[in-house]
Amino acid sequence: MENFNITRFGQALKCHFLVSRKSWIRIFGIYTLVLFFANLFFTRVAGSGYSKMEQICSAEDLLSEYTFVVKETIGFGMVFFCFSMLFGASYLFSQMKDTRKRSAYLLWPVSNGEKYIISLLHSVILMAVITVVSIIAADALRVLIDVITGRVMVWGVPFYIDFFSSALDWQSVLMLITWMFYIHSLFIVGGTLFRRFQFLSTSAVILIVVILLTIVIKQTELYNIDYHFIEYEQGEIQHQLPDGSTYYSYRAIYTPRFYFALLGGWLIIAAHYWASFKLFCRVQVINNKWLNV
């Protein structure tokens, strides 16, 4: 069998989605309910009560104050999105829970490369789409409840756009994306390596390694080393504060070491995905161990 055939891959991708659609619908329902109740908590339980705001605020101020309350839901939504992506990565091959399902999946007339890419696309792209749609649906349900109960209508979804349109230089955005994919690749490896409790097992291993690295770094004082990834240059524009004092703005300059570090990070990420694929190729039908090796 050839390693990759686009026609066979497309048919297998569609088949995999149709077979697992009930699981994805269930995940969508759970995510929507969790986000919806979280929205209700932040807008109706935490912070100042809406009735109190009505008493002390004018109509215009009430809209502004409630908008601030709705913005508090954005942080939870971002954290939940990151959690869902890591959860999806760790359950990359959730369809191989028992021997029967594992045997059927491994005997599927598709190459190992196509099986892996299909599972990867579902756990990354489809999980991201489901989470985003859940965020929108939960916000819509919260707005519906607000309208029914006589509150002002403030949508929370547009504030996610404001969150991503903050004034960050492209180097900082690239660094953030690199860290996100690095952590995601760790959970991809864990999802392929562990057969049981993939998310919890991977999280526990990562936590233990981070604690050990922190101890080593503190003992060796590696945190005092300046790697000169970023240098700061004084700007020409002088700013004046209300009290009369002045200060200069500084501009961040990224050194070549910064770009080499990013390149090294992406090489490590690629190595993690490759290791995950090689582990998948070694999965056995009958395996009662905790690891797929």
Protein backbone atom coordinates (compact mmCIF):
# COMPACT_ATOMS: atom_id res chain seq x y z
CA MET A 1 0.00 0.00 0.00
CA GLU A 2 1.37 3.42 -0.94
CA ASN A 3 2.06 5.74 1.98
CA PHE A 4 -0.30 8.52 0.91
CA ASN A 5 -3.14 8.68 -1.58
CA ILE A 6 -5.19 11.87 -1.62
CA THR A 7 -8.43 10.17 -2.73
CA ARG A 8 -8.17 7.44 -0.12
CA PHE A 9 -7.19 10.01 2.50
CA GLY A 10 -10.26 12.15 1.76
CA GLN A 11 -12.60 9.19 1.98
CA ALA A 12 -11.00 7.99 5.21
CA LEU A 13 -11.20 11.48 6.71
CA LYS A 14 -14.92 11.67 5.94
CA CYS A 15 -15.50 8.14 7.25
CA HIS A 16 -13.65 8.86 10.50
CA PHE A 17 -15.74 11.98 11.08
CA LEU A 18 -19.04 10.21 10.44
CA VAL A 19 -18.13 7.31 12.71
CA SER A 20 -17.11 9.58 15.60
CA ARG A 21 -19.71 12.33 15.10
CA LYS A 22 -21.70 11.29 18.19
CA SER A 23 -18.63 11.79 20.36
CA TRP A 24 -18.00 15.23 18.86
CA ILE A 25 -21.65 16.25 19.37
CA ARG A 26 -21.43 15.12 23.00
CA ILE A 27 -18.21 17.12 23.49
CA PHE A 28 -19.85 20.17 21.91
CA GLY A 29 -22.81 19.89 24.29
CA ILE A 30 -20.58 19.51 27.35
CA TYR A 31 -18.34 22.42 26.35
CA THR A 32 -21.32 24.68 25.66
CA LEU A 33 -22.92 23.93 29.03
CA VAL A 34 -19.65 24.46 30.92
CA LEU A 35 -19.03 27.80 29.20
CA PHE A 36 -22.66 28.87 29.58
CA PHE A 37 -22.70 28.26 33.34
CA ALA A 38 -19.31 29.94 33.64
CA ASN A 39 -20.74 32.99 31.86
CA LEU A 40 -23.71 33.01 34.24
CA PHE A 41 -21.36 32.79 37.22
CA PHE A 42 -19.24 35.76 36.13
CA THR A 43 -22.22 37.93 35.18
CA ARG A 44 -24.68 37.01 37.94
CA VAL A 45 -22.76 35.67 40.94
CA ALA A 46 -19.29 37.21 40.99
CA GLY A 47 -18.83 40.95 41.37
CA SER A 48 -21.48 43.63 41.93
CA GLY A 49 -25.11 42.71 41.43
CA TYR A 50 -26.98 43.98 38.39
CA SER A 51 -29.79 45.45 40.51
CA LYS A 52 -27.24 47.52 42.41
CA MET A 53 -25.76 48.81 39.16
CA GLU A 54 -29.27 49.81 38.00
CA GLN A 55 -29.76 51.86 41.16
CA ILE A 56 -26.52 53.84 41.04
CA CYS A 57 -25.85 54.08 37.28
CA SER A 58 -27.52 55.95 34.46
CA ALA A 59 -28.54 54.09 31.31
CA GLU A 60 -25.25 54.91 29.56
CA ASP A 61 -23.14 54.08 32.61
CA LEU A 62 -25.10 50.87 33.13
CA LEU A 63 -24.17 49.68 29.65
CA SER A 64 -20.52 50.54 30.30
CA GLU A 65 -20.45 48.83 33.70
CA TYR A 66 -22.14 45.66 32.44
CA THR A 67 -19.78 45.58 29.45
CA PHE A 68 -16.91 45.48 31.94
CA VAL A 69 -18.59 42.56 33.72
CA VAL A 70 -19.03 40.64 30.46
CA LYS A 71 -15.35 41.19 29.63
CA GLU A 72 -14.47 39.15 32.71
CA THR A 73 -15.76 36.03 30.94
CA ILE A 74 -13.06 36.36 28.24
CA GLY A 75 -10.27 35.17 30.51
CA PHE A 76 -12.10 31.97 31.39
CA GLY A 77 -12.94 31.37 27.73
CA MET A 78 -9.26 31.65 26.74
CA VAL A 79 -8.17 29.29 29.52
CA PHE A 80 -10.91 26.84 28.57
CA PHE A 81 -9.84 26.95 24.90
CA CYS A 82 -6.25 26.08 25.87
CA PHE A 83 -7.50 23.27 28.10
CA SER A 84 -9.69 21.83 25.35
CA MET A 85 -6.79 21.83 22.87
CA LEU A 86 -4.53 19.99 25.32
CA PHE A 87 -7.34 17.58 26.16
CA GLY A 88 -7.87 16.89 22.45
CA ALA A 89 -4.14 16.36 21.93
CA SER A 90 -3.86 13.87 24.78
CA TYR A 91 -6.85 11.90 23.47
CA LEU A 92 -5.44 11.74 19.96
CA PHE A 93 -6.30 8.05 19.62
CA SER A 94 -9.31 7.78 21.91
CA GLN A 95 -10.93 5.47 19.35
CA MET A 96 -8.48 2.72 20.42
CA LYS A 97 -9.66 2.33 24.02
CA ASP A 98 -10.24 -1.42 23.98
CA THR A 99 -8.86 -4.37 22.03
CA ARG A 100 -11.81 -4.60 19.62
CA LYS A 101 -11.69 -0.93 18.64
CA ARG A 102 -7.91 -0.97 18.49
CA SER A 103 -7.93 -4.02 16.22
CA ALA A 104 -10.55 -2.48 13.90
CA TYR A 105 -8.60 0.80 13.68
CA LEU A 106 -5.23 -0.81 13.03
CA LEU A 107 -6.76 -3.10 10.35
CA TRP A 108 -8.36 -0.13 8.58
CA PRO A 109 -7.19 -0.25 4.92
CA VAL A 110 -5.34 3.06 5.22
CA SER A 111 -1.61 3.67 5.66
CA ASN A 112 -0.22 4.53 9.09
CA GLY A 113 0.67 8.01 7.89
CA GLU A 114 -2.89 8.68 6.75
CA LYS A 115 -4.35 7.31 10.01
CA TYR A 116 -2.07 9.52 12.05
CA ILE A 117 -2.78 12.68 10.02
CA ILE A 118 -6.53 12.03 10.19
CA SER A 119 -6.45 11.65 13.97
CA LEU A 120 -4.20 14.70 14.28
CA LEU A 121 -6.56 16.85 12.18
CA HIS A 122 -9.54 15.77 14.25
CA SER A 123 -7.82 16.37 17.58
CA VAL A 124 -6.46 19.78 16.55
CA ILE A 125 -8.62 21.47 13.91
CA LEU A 126 -11.97 19.87 14.70
CA MET A 127 -11.44 20.33 18.44
CA ALA A 128 -10.59 24.02 17.89
CA VAL A 129 -13.68 24.53 15.72
CA ILE A 130 -15.94 22.80 18.27
CA THR A 131 -14.53 24.89 21.12
CA VAL A 132 -14.93 28.17 19.22
CA VAL A 133 -18.52 27.30 18.25
CA SER A 134 -19.19 26.34 21.88
CA ILE A 135 -17.91 29.74 23.04
CA ILE A 136 -20.23 31.50 20.57
CA ALA A 137 -23.21 29.30 21.50
CA ALA A 138 -22.63 29.80 25.24
CA ASP A 139 -22.40 33.56 24.76
CA ALA A 140 -25.62 33.53 22.72
CA LEU A 141 -27.43 31.60 25.48
CA ARG A 142 -26.14 34.07 28.07
CA VAL A 143 -27.37 37.02 25.98
CA LEU A 144 -30.77 35.29 25.59
CA ILE A 145 -31.08 34.90 29.36
CA ASP A 146 -30.08 38.55 29.82
CA VAL A 147 -32.78 39.71 27.40
CA ILE A 148 -35.42 37.50 29.04
CA THR A 149 -34.55 38.81 32.50
CA GLY A 150 -34.53 42.46 31.41
CA ARG A 151 -30.79 43.14 31.30
CA VAL A 152 -28.97 45.19 28.68
CA MET A 153 -27.70 43.16 25.74
CA VAL A 154 -23.91 42.95 25.58
CA TRP A 155 -22.20 40.36 23.39
CA GLY A 156 -18.93 38.91 24.68
CA VAL A 157 -17.62 37.36 21.45
CA PRO A 158 -16.34 40.69 19.96
CA PHE A 159 -14.06 41.13 22.97
CA TYR A 160 -12.12 38.03 21.91
CA ILE A 161 -11.22 39.90 18.72
CA ASP A 162 -10.04 42.85 20.81
CA PHE A 163 -7.96 40.44 22.89
CA PHE A 164 -6.09 39.15 19.83
CA SER A 165 -5.72 42.59 18.24
CA SER A 166 -3.66 43.95 21.13
CA ALA A 167 -0.52 45.89 20.25
CA LEU A 168 2.09 43.10 20.18
CA ASP A 169 5.02 42.95 17.80
CA TRP A 170 5.23 39.96 15.49
CA GLN A 171 8.19 38.51 17.37
CA SER A 172 6.19 38.32 20.58
CA VAL A 173 3.26 36.71 18.73
CA LEU A 174 5.61 34.18 17.13
CA MET A 175 7.16 33.38 20.50
CA LEU A 176 3.70 32.86 22.01
CA ILE A 177 2.68 30.57 19.14
CA THR A 178 5.91 28.61 19.52
CA TRP A 179 5.26 28.02 23.22
CA MET A 180 1.67 26.99 22.48
CA PHE A 181 2.72 24.42 19.88
CA TYR A 182 5.54 23.19 22.11
CA ILE A 183 3.18 22.42 24.99
CA HIS A 184 0.65 20.98 22.54
CA SER A 185 3.31 18.68 21.05
CA LEU A 186 4.12 17.37 24.54
CA PHE A 187 0.49 16.35 25.04
CA ILE A 188 0.48 14.81 21.54
CA VAL A 189 3.39 12.59 22.58
CA GLY A 190 1.66 11.78 25.87
CA GLY A 191 -1.57 10.95 24.07
CA THR A 192 0.29 8.44 21.92
CA LEU A 193 2.55 7.06 24.64
CA PHE A 194 0.02 6.41 27.41
CA ARG A 195 -2.86 3.97 26.97
CA ARG A 196 -4.84 5.00 30.05
CA PHE A 197 -5.66 8.38 31.58
CA GLN A 198 -3.66 10.11 28.86
CA PHE A 199 -4.41 13.68 29.93
CA LEU A 200 -3.78 13.11 33.63
CA SER A 201 -0.67 10.98 33.02
CA THR A 202 0.84 13.51 30.61
CA SER A 203 0.05 16.43 32.92
CA ALA A 204 1.61 14.60 35.89
CA VAL A 205 4.81 13.82 33.97
CA ILE A 206 5.12 17.41 32.72
CA LEU A 207 4.53 18.75 36.25
CA ILE A 208 7.19 16.47 37.74
CA VAL A 209 9.73 17.44 35.05
CA VAL A 210 9.00 21.16 35.56
CA ILE A 211 9.49 20.83 39.34
CA LEU A 212 12.79 18.97 38.86
CA LEU A 213 14.02 21.54 36.32
CA THR A 214 13.07 24.37 38.68
CA ILE A 215 15.07 22.76 41.48
CA VAL A 216 18.10 22.24 39.21
CA ILE A 217 17.93 25.81 37.88
CA LYS A 218 17.76 27.27 41.39
CA GLN A 219 20.60 25.09 42.64
CA THR A 220 22.87 25.95 39.70
CA GLU A 221 21.73 29.60 39.50
CA LEU A 222 21.09 29.30 35.77
CA TYR A 223 18.34 31.90 36.11
CA ASN A 224 21.03 34.56 36.63
CA ILE A 225 22.46 34.02 33.15
CA ASP A 226 21.53 36.69 30.62
CA TYR A 227 21.08 34.99 27.27
CA HIS A 228 20.72 38.37 25.50
CA PHE A 229 17.62 37.34 23.56
CA ILE A 230 16.22 40.87 23.81
CA GLU A 231 17.99 44.21 24.17
CA TYR A 232 16.39 47.59 24.75
CA GLU A 233 17.28 50.80 22.97
CA GLN A 234 16.35 54.22 24.26
CA GLY A 235 13.97 56.09 22.00
CA GLU A 236 14.36 59.68 20.88
CA ILE A 237 10.92 60.81 22.06
CA GLN A 238 10.77 62.18 25.59
CA HIS A 239 7.51 61.81 27.50
CA GLN A 240 6.35 64.08 30.31
CA LEU A 241 4.23 62.99 33.26
CA PRO A 242 1.56 65.20 34.91
CA ASP A 243 3.91 65.89 37.84
CA GLY A 244 6.47 67.40 35.46
CA SER A 245 8.97 64.53 35.43
CA THR A 246 10.10 63.13 32.09
CA TYR A 247 11.15 59.73 30.78
CA TYR A 248 12.23 58.15 27.50
CA SER A 249 10.49 55.24 25.82
CA TYR A 250 12.50 52.13 25.01
CA ARG A 251 12.34 49.95 21.93
CA ALA A 252 12.86 46.18 22.09
CA ILE A 253 15.52 44.79 19.75
CA TYR A 254 15.52 41.03 19.22
CA THR A 255 19.02 39.59 18.83
CA PRO A 256 19.96 36.72 16.48
CA ARG A 257 19.99 34.41 19.53
CA PHE A 258 16.25 34.96 19.85
CA TYR A 259 15.59 33.73 16.31
CA PHE A 260 17.94 30.76 16.71
CA ALA A 261 16.10 29.86 19.93
CA LEU A 262 12.77 29.98 18.08
CA LEU A 263 14.19 27.80 15.32
CA GLY A 264 15.41 25.31 17.91
CA GLY A 265 11.96 25.32 19.48
CA TRP A 266 10.27 24.47 16.19
CA LEU A 267 12.80 21.68 15.56
CA ILE A 268 11.93 20.21 18.97
CA ILE A 269 8.21 20.51 18.16
CA ALA A 270 8.75 18.66 14.86
CA ALA A 271 10.72 15.98 16.75
CA HIS A 272 7.83 15.54 19.19
CA TYR A 273 5.30 15.03 16.38
CA TRP A 274 7.68 12.61 14.65
CA ALA A 275 8.17 10.67 17.90
CA SER A 276 4.40 10.52 18.33
CA PHE A 277 4.02 9.08 14.82
CA LYS A 278 6.72 6.45 15.41
CA LEU A 279 5.02 5.45 18.67
CA PHE A 280 1.72 5.08 16.83
CA CYS A 281 3.38 2.78 14.29
CA ARG A 282 4.41 0.49 17.18
CA VAL A 283 0.95 0.24 18.76
CA GLN A 284 -0.04 -3.39 19.37
CA VAL A 285 -3.55 -4.81 19.29
CA ILE A 286 -3.15 -6.78 22.52
CA ASN A 287 -1.44 -4.64 25.10
CA ASN A 288 -2.40 -4.53 28.78
CA LYS A 289 0.44 -2.19 29.74
CA TRP A 290 0.13 1.51 30.52
CA LEU A 291 2.44 2.45 27.65
CA ASN A 292 2.11 1.83 23.92
CA VAL A 293 5.64 0.41 23.70
